[in-house]
Amino acid sequence: PCFPSLPAHRMLGLCKSVHSWKGIDSSHVAVLQCRTGRGRSSAAAACYLHYSQPNVYKNVEAALRYVASVRDLPLRKLVHPTQARFCRYFEEHVIRTRQAIAFP
């Protein structure tokens, strides 16, 4: 079954928290865990990669493809279409949030 993703603002909070934690000390790691290691955790990983490294992962689709390649799975088996759609919504939310901060 496909479990729902976090709301975009909560995913943004997760990404900010992980980014802050990793920024404190280069030895810090973040661990994502779910039952299968696909779906929600892979979507969260892709959202974080895009959030934290936008110059490397120009869009969330590139981050999803990277996560799929690391997991050695085709993208269609990694995340459910609704989770991939959520990642695109998250990407739009991040863009709007960054624009609001840059141009108050």
Protein backbone atom coordinates (compact mmCIF):
# COMPACT_ATOMS: atom_id res chain seq x y z
CA PRO A 1 0.00 0.00 0.00
CA CYS A 2 0.99 3.60 -0.51
CA PHE A 3 1.26 5.52 2.73
CA PRO A 4 0.79 9.28 2.59
CA SER A 5 3.77 11.59 2.61
CA LEU A 6 4.28 14.35 5.12
CA PRO A 7 2.64 17.68 4.29
CA ALA A 8 5.08 19.86 2.32
CA HIS A 9 5.64 22.30 5.19
CA ARG A 10 6.51 19.40 7.54
CA MET A 11 8.89 17.90 4.96
CA LEU A 12 10.53 21.32 4.70
CA GLY A 13 10.92 21.33 8.49
CA LEU A 14 12.48 17.86 8.34
CA CYS A 15 14.92 18.99 5.65
CA LYS A 16 15.87 22.10 7.61
CA SER A 17 16.39 20.05 10.77
CA VAL A 18 18.57 17.44 9.05
CA HIS A 19 20.53 20.16 7.24
CA SER A 20 21.15 21.96 10.52
CA TRP A 21 22.18 18.73 12.29
CA LYS A 22 24.61 17.78 9.54
CA GLY A 23 25.99 21.33 9.46
CA ILE A 24 27.01 21.19 13.13
CA ASP A 25 29.60 18.48 12.59
CA SER A 26 30.74 16.77 9.40
CA SER A 27 30.64 13.41 11.20
CA HIS A 28 26.89 13.69 11.85
CA VAL A 29 24.65 11.44 9.81
CA ALA A 30 20.91 11.23 9.33
CA VAL A 31 19.10 7.91 9.10
CA LEU A 32 15.77 7.47 7.33
CA GLN A 33 13.88 4.31 8.09
CA CYS A 34 10.66 2.80 6.92
CA ARG A 35 9.42 -0.73 6.49
CA THR A 36 10.70 -1.31 2.94
CA GLY A 37 13.26 1.47 2.50
CA ARG A 38 11.35 2.65 -0.52
CA GLY A 39 8.37 4.92 -0.87
CA ARG A 40 8.28 7.53 1.87
CA SER A 41 11.89 7.25 2.97
CA SER A 42 13.15 7.43 -0.61
CA ALA A 43 10.90 10.41 -1.29
CA ALA A 44 12.20 12.08 1.88
CA ALA A 45 15.81 11.37 0.84
CA ALA A 46 15.20 12.88 -2.59
CA CYS A 47 13.51 15.93 -1.10
CA TYR A 48 16.44 16.44 1.26
CA LEU A 49 19.03 16.04 -1.49
CA HIS A 50 17.25 18.61 -3.64
CA TYR A 51 16.80 20.96 -0.66
CA SER A 52 20.39 20.71 0.56
CA GLN A 53 22.21 20.53 -2.79
CA PRO A 54 20.15 22.42 -5.38
CA ASN A 55 23.23 22.98 -7.54
CA VAL A 56 23.81 19.21 -7.77
CA TYR A 57 20.16 18.12 -7.92
CA LYS A 58 18.62 20.83 -10.10
CA ASN A 59 15.16 19.37 -9.52
CA VAL A 60 13.61 16.72 -7.34
CA GLU A 61 13.33 14.37 -10.31
CA ALA A 62 17.15 14.28 -10.56
CA ALA A 63 17.34 13.51 -6.83
CA LEU A 64 14.76 10.71 -7.21
CA ARG A 65 16.74 9.23 -10.09
CA TYR A 66 19.90 9.34 -7.94
CA VAL A 67 18.19 7.59 -5.02
CA ALA A 68 16.83 4.96 -7.44
CA SER A 69 20.32 4.37 -8.85
CA VAL A 70 21.81 3.97 -5.36
CA ARG A 71 19.06 1.52 -4.45
CA ASP A 72 19.53 -0.22 -7.83
CA LEU A 73 15.82 -0.01 -8.53
CA PRO A 74 13.86 1.48 -11.38
CA LEU A 75 12.18 4.71 -10.30
CA ARG A 76 8.73 3.23 -10.85
CA LYS A 77 9.49 0.56 -8.21
CA LEU A 78 11.06 3.01 -5.79
CA VAL A 79 8.20 5.43 -5.23
CA HIS A 80 4.49 5.34 -5.91
CA PRO A 81 3.27 7.93 -8.45
CA THR A 82 1.55 9.87 -5.67
CA GLN A 83 4.84 10.05 -3.75
CA ALA A 84 6.68 11.27 -6.85
CA ARG A 85 3.95 13.87 -7.32
CA PHE A 86 4.38 14.93 -3.69
CA CYS A 87 8.10 15.41 -4.33
CA ARG A 88 7.26 17.78 -7.19
CA TYR A 89 4.86 19.69 -4.91
CA PHE A 90 7.63 19.88 -2.32
CA GLU A 91 10.02 21.26 -4.94
CA GLU A 92 7.50 24.00 -5.79
CA HIS A 93 7.02 24.74 -2.07
CA VAL A 94 10.79 25.10 -1.57
CA ILE A 95 11.06 27.40 -4.59
CA ARG A 96 8.24 29.62 -3.30
CA THR A 97 9.71 29.66 0.21
CA ARG A 98 13.17 30.63 -1.04
CA GLN A 99 11.69 33.35 -3.26
CA ALA A 100 9.71 34.76 -0.33
CA ILE A 101 12.87 34.90 1.78
CA ALA A 102 14.97 36.45 -1.01
CA PHE A 103 12.31 39.01 -1.95
CA PRO A 104 10.33 40.04 1.14
